[in-house]
Amino acid sequence: MRKIIKLEGLCCANCASKIETEVSKLAGVKSAALSFMTQRLTIEAEDDRADAIVEESRKIAYKIEPEAEFKVLR
């Protein structure tokens, strides 16, 4: 399963890197990549954990970058 999430309002590349690192550590995540330039987080994960991974990713993003807006694109 691939999820693409838009994180509008990221302040810096350092915060993007922190979010990417933490999301990559989640159970069921095969890979995670966050581009600061496009402000898109792409997650490759196990299908049966898709909803949980998206919610956990939202919490991580809010903790690191509370001003960013989290939108699941697909």
PDB file of N, CA and C in Angstrom:
ATOM      1  N   MET A   1       0.843  -1.161   0.000  1.00  0.00           N
ATOM      2  CA  MET A   1       0.000   0.000   0.000  1.00  0.00           C
ATOM      3  C   MET A   1       0.892   1.229   0.000  1.00  0.00           C
ATOM      4  N   ARG A   2       0.529   2.189  -0.832  1.00  0.00           N
ATOM      5  CA  ARG A   2       1.254   3.461  -0.876  1.00  0.00           C
ATOM      6  C   ARG A   2       0.293   4.578  -0.505  1.00  0.00           C
ATOM      7  N   LYS A   3       0.719   5.412   0.426  1.00  0.00           N
ATOM      8  CA  LYS A   3      -0.052   6.588   0.820  1.00  0.00           C
ATOM      9  C   LYS A   3       0.787   7.820   0.525  1.00  0.00           C
ATOM     10  N   ILE A   4       0.144   8.840  -0.019  1.00  0.00           N
ATOM     11  CA  ILE A   4       0.807  10.113  -0.255  1.00  0.00           C
ATOM     12  C   ILE A   4       0.073  11.166   0.555  1.00  0.00           C
ATOM     13  N   ILE A   5       0.841  11.880   1.363  1.00  0.00           N
ATOM     14  CA  ILE A   5       0.276  12.852   2.294  1.00  0.00           C
ATOM     15  C   ILE A   5       0.931  14.205   2.055  1.00  0.00           C
ATOM     16  N   LYS A   6       0.130  15.237   1.968  1.00  0.00           N
ATOM     17  CA  LYS A   6       0.626  16.604   1.808  1.00  0.00           C
ATOM     18  C   LYS A   6       0.754  17.227   3.190  1.00  0.00           C
ATOM     19  N   LEU A   7       1.933  17.765   3.477  1.00  0.00           N
ATOM     20  CA  LEU A   7       2.176  18.456   4.741  1.00  0.00           C
ATOM     21  C   LEU A   7       2.433  19.925   4.416  1.00  0.00           C
ATOM     22  N   GLU A   8       1.376  20.701   4.349  1.00  0.00           N
ATOM     23  CA  GLU A   8       1.499  22.114   4.011  1.00  0.00           C
ATOM     24  C   GLU A   8       1.980  22.902   5.217  1.00  0.00           C
ATOM     25  N   GLY A   9       2.946  23.791   4.980  1.00  0.00           N
ATOM     26  CA  GLY A   9       3.411  24.663   6.039  1.00  0.00           C
ATOM     27  C   GLY A   9       4.617  24.158   6.804  1.00  0.00           C
ATOM     28  N   LEU A  10       5.358  23.213   6.244  1.00  0.00           N
ATOM     29  CA  LEU A  10       6.589  22.770   6.907  1.00  0.00           C
ATOM     30  C   LEU A  10       7.558  23.944   6.959  1.00  0.00           C
ATOM     31  N   CYS A  11       8.161  24.168   8.114  1.00  0.00           N
ATOM     32  CA  CYS A  11       9.037  25.327   8.288  1.00  0.00           C
ATOM     33  C   CYS A  11      10.459  25.109   7.783  1.00  0.00           C
ATOM     34  N   CYS A  12      10.979  23.890   7.947  1.00  0.00           N
ATOM     35  CA  CYS A  12      12.379  23.681   7.585  1.00  0.00           C
ATOM     36  C   CYS A  12      12.648  22.230   7.198  1.00  0.00           C
ATOM     37  N   ALA A  13      13.751  22.034   6.497  1.00  0.00           N
ATOM     38  CA  ALA A  13      14.142  20.694   6.059  1.00  0.00           C
ATOM     39  C   ALA A  13      14.487  19.804   7.245  1.00  0.00           C
ATOM     40  N   ASN A  14      14.977  20.395   8.323  1.00  0.00           N
ATOM     41  CA  ASN A  14      15.320  19.617   9.517  1.00  0.00           C
ATOM     42  C   ASN A  14      14.071  18.963  10.111  1.00  0.00           C
ATOM     43  N   CYS A  15      12.991  19.697  10.198  1.00  0.00           N
ATOM     44  CA  CYS A  15      11.735  19.134  10.716  1.00  0.00           C
ATOM     45  C   CYS A  15      11.223  18.038   9.781  1.00  0.00           C
ATOM     46  N   ALA A  16      11.337  18.253   8.479  1.00  0.00           N
ATOM     47  CA  ALA A  16      10.918  17.243   7.508  1.00  0.00           C
ATOM     48  C   ALA A  16      11.719  15.963   7.699  1.00  0.00           C
ATOM     49  N   SER A  17      13.007  16.105   7.925  1.00  0.00           N
ATOM     50  CA  SER A  17      13.869  14.944   8.147  1.00  0.00           C
ATOM     51  C   SER A  17      13.478  14.193   9.412  1.00  0.00           C
ATOM     52  N   LYS A  18      13.160  14.926  10.463  1.00  0.00           N
ATOM     53  CA  LYS A  18      12.740  14.295  11.720  1.00  0.00           C
ATOM     54  C   LYS A  18      11.437  13.512  11.535  1.00  0.00           C
ATOM     55  N   ILE A  19      10.490  14.095  10.824  1.00  0.00           N
ATOM     56  CA  ILE A  19       9.213  13.418  10.567  1.00  0.00           C
ATOM     57  C   ILE A  19       9.458  12.147   9.760  1.00  0.00           C
ATOM     58  N   GLU A  20      10.246  12.257   8.703  1.00  0.00           N
ATOM     59  CA  GLU A  20      10.556  11.098   7.865  1.00  0.00           C
ATOM     60  C   GLU A  20      11.194   9.978   8.688  1.00  0.00           C
ATOM     61  N   THR A  21      12.146  10.318   9.541  1.00  0.00           N
ATOM     62  CA  THR A  21      12.830   9.323  10.370  1.00  0.00           C
ATOM     63  C   THR A  21      11.866   8.627  11.315  1.00  0.00           C
ATOM     64  N   GLU A  22      11.011   9.387  11.977  1.00  0.00           N
ATOM     65  CA  GLU A  22      10.075   8.801  12.942  1.00  0.00           C
ATOM     66  C   GLU A  22       9.013   7.940  12.254  1.00  0.00           C
ATOM     67  N   VAL A  23       8.504   8.386  11.124  1.00  0.00           N
ATOM     68  CA  VAL A  23       7.504   7.601  10.393  1.00  0.00           C
ATOM     69  C   VAL A  23       8.132   6.298   9.894  1.00  0.00           C
ATOM     70  N   SER A  24       9.378   6.353   9.470  1.00  0.00           N
ATOM     71  CA  SER A  24      10.077   5.152   8.991  1.00  0.00           C
ATOM     72  C   SER A  24      10.178   4.070  10.055  1.00  0.00           C
ATOM     73  N   LYS A  25      10.178   4.471  11.316  1.00  0.00           N
ATOM     74  CA  LYS A  25      10.313   3.533  12.436  1.00  0.00           C
ATOM     75  C   LYS A  25       9.000   2.845  12.817  1.00  0.00           C
ATOM     76  N   LEU A  26       7.880   3.308  12.296  1.00  0.00           N
ATOM     77  CA  LEU A  26       6.586   2.736  12.670  1.00  0.00           C
ATOM     78  C   LEU A  26       6.460   1.286  12.213  1.00  0.00           C
ATOM     79  N   ALA A  27       5.799   0.488  13.029  1.00  0.00           N
ATOM     80  CA  ALA A  27       5.549  -0.915  12.681  1.00  0.00           C
ATOM     81  C   ALA A  27       4.716  -0.992  11.409  1.00  0.00           C
ATOM     82  N   GLY A  28       5.152  -1.807  10.471  1.00  0.00           N
ATOM     83  CA  GLY A  28       4.425  -1.991   9.226  1.00  0.00           C
ATOM     84  C   GLY A  28       4.865  -1.088   8.094  1.00  0.00           C
ATOM     85  N   VAL A  29       5.733  -0.108   8.383  1.00  0.00           N
ATOM     86  CA  VAL A  29       6.217   0.802   7.346  1.00  0.00           C
ATOM     87  C   VAL A  29       7.438   0.185   6.669  1.00  0.00           C
ATOM     88  N   LYS A  30       7.349   0.034   5.353  1.00  0.00           N
ATOM     89  CA  LYS A  30       8.475  -0.495   4.577  1.00  0.00           C
ATOM     90  C   LYS A  30       9.442   0.631   4.219  1.00  0.00           C
ATOM     91  N   SER A  31       8.894   1.799   3.871  1.00  0.00           N
ATOM     92  CA  SER A  31       9.716   2.969   3.581  1.00  0.00           C
ATOM     93  C   SER A  31       8.873   4.230   3.723  1.00  0.00           C
ATOM     94  N   ALA A  32       9.568   5.325   4.005  1.00  0.00           N
ATOM     95  CA  ALA A  32       8.913   6.631   4.099  1.00  0.00           C
ATOM     96  C   ALA A  32       9.881   7.671   3.551  1.00  0.00           C
ATOM     97  N   ALA A  33       9.372   8.576   2.739  1.00  0.00           N
ATOM     98  CA  ALA A  33      10.192   9.639   2.170  1.00  0.00           C
ATOM     99  C   ALA A  33       9.390  10.935   2.199  1.00  0.00           C
ATOM    100  N   LEU A  34       9.992  11.970   2.772  1.00  0.00           N
ATOM    101  CA  LEU A  34       9.336  13.273   2.855  1.00  0.00           C
ATOM    102  C   LEU A  34      10.191  14.297   2.127  1.00  0.00           C
ATOM    103  N   SER A  35       9.635  14.898   1.092  1.00  0.00           N
ATOM    104  CA  SER A  35      10.325  15.936   0.342  1.00  0.00           C
ATOM    105  C   SER A  35       9.925  17.294   0.909  1.00  0.00           C
ATOM    106  N   PHE A  36      10.905  18.034   1.404  1.00  0.00           N
ATOM    107  CA  PHE A  36      10.632  19.371   1.920  1.00  0.00           C
ATOM    108  C   PHE A  36      10.180  20.297   0.783  1.00  0.00           C
ATOM    109  N   MET A  37      10.756  20.114  -0.400  1.00  0.00           N
ATOM    110  CA  MET A  37      10.419  20.981  -1.537  1.00  0.00           C
ATOM    111  C   MET A  37       8.958  20.820  -1.972  1.00  0.00           C
ATOM    112  N   THR A  38       8.485  19.585  -2.074  1.00  0.00           N
ATOM    113  CA  THR A  38       7.101  19.358  -2.505  1.00  0.00           C
ATOM    114  C   THR A  38       6.145  19.240  -1.326  1.00  0.00           C
ATOM    115  N   GLN A  39       6.704  19.102  -0.122  1.00  0.00           N
ATOM    116  CA  GLN A  39       5.946  18.933   1.120  1.00  0.00           C
ATOM    117  C   GLN A  39       5.031  17.711   1.049  1.00  0.00           C
ATOM    118  N   ARG A  40       5.556  16.641   0.446  1.00  0.00           N
ATOM    119  CA  ARG A  40       4.803  15.386   0.327  1.00  0.00           C
ATOM    120  C   ARG A  40       5.530  14.249   1.028  1.00  0.00           C
ATOM    121  N   LEU A  41       4.760  13.526   1.808  1.00  0.00           N
ATOM    122  CA  LEU A  41       5.249  12.339   2.505  1.00  0.00           C
ATOM    123  C   LEU A  41       4.694  11.123   1.778  1.00  0.00           C
ATOM    124  N   THR A  42       5.578  10.265   1.299  1.00  0.00           N
ATOM    125  CA  THR A  42       5.175   9.033   0.625  1.00  0.00           C
ATOM    126  C   THR A  42       5.531   7.863   1.528  1.00  0.00           C
ATOM    127  N   ILE A  43       4.528   7.061   1.847  1.00  0.00           N
ATOM    128  CA  ILE A  43       4.714   5.924   2.748  1.00  0.00           C
ATOM    129  C   ILE A  43       4.373   4.634   2.011  1.00  0.00           C
ATOM    130  N   GLU A  44       5.285   3.677   2.052  1.00  0.00           N
ATOM    131  CA  GLU A  44       5.038   2.316   1.567  1.00  0.00           C
ATOM    132  C   GLU A  44       4.862   1.466   2.813  1.00  0.00           C
ATOM    133  N   ALA A  45       3.714   0.799   2.927  1.00  0.00           N
ATOM    134  CA  ALA A  45       3.427   0.064   4.157  1.00  0.00           C
ATOM    135  C   ALA A  45       2.563  -1.160   3.899  1.00  0.00           C
ATOM    136  N   GLU A  46       2.434  -1.973   4.930  1.00  0.00           N
ATOM    137  CA  GLU A  46       1.572  -3.150   4.875  1.00  0.00           C
ATOM    138  C   GLU A  46       0.110  -2.700   4.790  1.00  0.00           C
ATOM    139  N   ASP A  47      -0.659  -3.367   3.934  1.00  0.00           N
ATOM    140  CA  ASP A  47      -2.057  -2.991   3.709  1.00  0.00           C
ATOM    141  C   ASP A  47      -2.912  -3.023   4.970  1.00  0.00           C
ATOM    142  N   ASP A  48      -2.715  -4.025   5.809  1.00  0.00           N
ATOM    143  CA  ASP A  48      -3.582  -4.196   6.976  1.00  0.00           C
ATOM    144  C   ASP A  48      -3.355  -3.147   8.064  1.00  0.00           C
ATOM    145  N   ARG A  49      -2.296  -2.349   7.955  1.00  0.00           N
ATOM    146  CA  ARG A  49      -2.026  -1.310   8.954  1.00  0.00           C
ATOM    147  C   ARG A  49      -2.161   0.099   8.377  1.00  0.00           C
ATOM    148  N   ALA A  50      -2.712   0.218   7.198  1.00  0.00           N
ATOM    149  CA  ALA A  50      -2.750   1.503   6.499  1.00  0.00           C
ATOM    150  C   ALA A  50      -3.373   2.622   7.328  1.00  0.00           C
ATOM    151  N   ASP A  51      -4.559   2.412   7.839  1.00  0.00           N
ATOM    152  CA  ASP A  51      -5.244   3.466   8.600  1.00  0.00           C
ATOM    153  C   ASP A  51      -4.479   3.828   9.865  1.00  0.00           C
ATOM    154  N   ALA A  52      -3.971   2.830  10.569  1.00  0.00           N
ATOM    155  CA  ALA A  52      -3.219   3.075  11.801  1.00  0.00           C
ATOM    156  C   ALA A  52      -1.931   3.840  11.504  1.00  0.00           C
ATOM    157  N   ILE A  53      -1.260   3.487  10.418  1.00  0.00           N
ATOM    158  CA  ILE A  53      -0.012   4.162  10.056  1.00  0.00           C
ATOM    159  C   ILE A  53      -0.270   5.619   9.695  1.00  0.00           C
ATOM    160  N   VAL A  54      -1.334   5.889   8.963  1.00  0.00           N
ATOM    161  CA  VAL A  54      -1.670   7.272   8.619  1.00  0.00           C
ATOM    162  C   VAL A  54      -1.947   8.073   9.887  1.00  0.00           C
ATOM    163  N   GLU A  55      -2.696   7.509  10.817  1.00  0.00           N
ATOM    164  CA  GLU A  55      -3.009   8.219  12.065  1.00  0.00           C
ATOM    165  C   GLU A  55      -1.754   8.441  12.908  1.00  0.00           C
ATOM    166  N   GLU A  56      -0.902   7.436  13.007  1.00  0.00           N
ATOM    167  CA  GLU A  56       0.342   7.588  13.765  1.00  0.00           C
ATOM    168  C   GLU A  56       1.249   8.621  13.098  1.00  0.00           C
ATOM    169  N   SER A  57       1.264   8.654  11.781  1.00  0.00           N
ATOM    170  CA  SER A  57       2.060   9.639  11.043  1.00  0.00           C
ATOM    171  C   SER A  57       1.546  11.051  11.304  1.00  0.00           C
ATOM    172  N   ARG A  58       0.228  11.191  11.361  1.00  0.00           N
ATOM    173  CA  ARG A  58      -0.384  12.493  11.667  1.00  0.00           C
ATOM    174  C   ARG A  58       0.076  12.989  13.046  1.00  0.00           C
ATOM    175  N   LYS A  59       0.080  12.096  14.021  1.00  0.00           N
ATOM    176  CA  LYS A  59       0.502  12.460  15.379  1.00  0.00           C
ATOM    177  C   LYS A  59       1.971  12.867  15.409  1.00  0.00           C
ATOM    178  N   ILE A  60       2.809  12.132  14.689  1.00  0.00           N
ATOM    179  CA  ILE A  60       4.240  12.454  14.626  1.00  0.00           C
ATOM    180  C   ILE A  60       4.435  13.830  13.997  1.00  0.00           C
ATOM    181  N   ALA A  61       3.772  14.074  12.866  1.00  0.00           N
ATOM    182  CA  ALA A  61       3.908  15.355  12.173  1.00  0.00           C
ATOM    183  C   ALA A  61       3.450  16.504  13.066  1.00  0.00           C
ATOM    184  N   TYR A  62       2.337  16.332  13.761  1.00  0.00           N
ATOM    185  CA  TYR A  62       1.821  17.390  14.636  1.00  0.00           C
ATOM    186  C   TYR A  62       2.772  17.659  15.800  1.00  0.00           C
ATOM    187  N   LYS A  63       3.365  16.599  16.336  1.00  0.00           N
ATOM    188  CA  LYS A  63       4.299  16.747  17.461  1.00  0.00           C
ATOM    189  C   LYS A  63       5.542  17.539  17.046  1.00  0.00           C
ATOM    190  N   ILE A  64       6.060  17.261  15.859  1.00  0.00           N
ATOM    191  CA  ILE A  64       7.284  17.906  15.391  1.00  0.00           C
ATOM    192  C   ILE A  64       6.993  19.259  14.755  1.00  0.00           C
ATOM    193  N   GLU A  65       5.915  19.359  14.014  1.00  0.00           N
ATOM    194  CA  GLU A  65       5.569  20.576  13.272  1.00  0.00           C
ATOM    195  C   GLU A  65       4.087  20.894  13.453  1.00  0.00           C
ATOM    196  N   PRO A  66       3.707  21.469  14.622  1.00  0.00           N
ATOM    197  CA  PRO A  66       2.289  21.685  14.937  1.00  0.00           C
ATOM    198  C   PRO A  66       1.546  22.607  13.967  1.00  0.00           C
ATOM    199  N   GLU A  67       2.259  23.443  13.246  1.00  0.00           N
ATOM    200  CA  GLU A  67       1.614  24.385  12.325  1.00  0.00           C
ATOM    201  C   GLU A  67       1.304  23.764  10.963  1.00  0.00           C
ATOM    202  N   ALA A  68       1.896  22.623  10.660  1.00  0.00           N
ATOM    203  CA  ALA A  68       1.704  21.995   9.345  1.00  0.00           C
ATOM    204  C   ALA A  68       0.300  21.402   9.227  1.00  0.00           C
ATOM    205  N   GLU A  69      -0.251  21.493   8.031  1.00  0.00           N
ATOM    206  CA  GLU A  69      -1.567  20.924   7.749  1.00  0.00           C
ATOM    207  C   GLU A  69      -1.375  19.570   7.070  1.00  0.00           C
ATOM    208  N   PHE A  70      -2.022  18.540   7.584  1.00  0.00           N
ATOM    209  CA  PHE A  70      -1.854  17.147   7.167  1.00  0.00           C
ATOM    210  C   PHE A  70      -3.032  16.738   6.295  1.00  0.00           C
ATOM    211  N   LYS A  71      -2.784  16.461   5.001  1.00  0.00           N
ATOM    212  CA  LYS A  71      -3.860  16.067   4.082  1.00  0.00           C
ATOM    213  C   LYS A  71      -3.465  14.788   3.349  1.00  0.00           C
ATOM    214  N   VAL A  72      -4.276  13.753   3.472  1.00  0.00           N
ATOM    215  CA  VAL A  72      -4.033  12.509   2.740  1.00  0.00           C
ATOM    216  C   VAL A  72      -4.519  12.716   1.309  1.00  0.00           C
ATOM    217  N   LEU A  73      -3.604  12.604   0.351  1.00  0.00           N
ATOM    218  CA  LEU A  73      -3.949  12.797  -1.059  1.00  0.00           C
ATOM    219  C   LEU A  73      -4.439  11.506  -1.696  1.00  0.00           C
ATOM    220  N   ARG A  74      -3.792  10.389  -1.358  1.00  0.00           N
ATOM    221  CA  ARG A  74      -4.228   9.070  -1.826  1.00  0.00           C
ATOM    222  C   ARG A  74      -3.544   7.990  -1.051  1.00  0.00           C
TER     223      ARG A  74
END
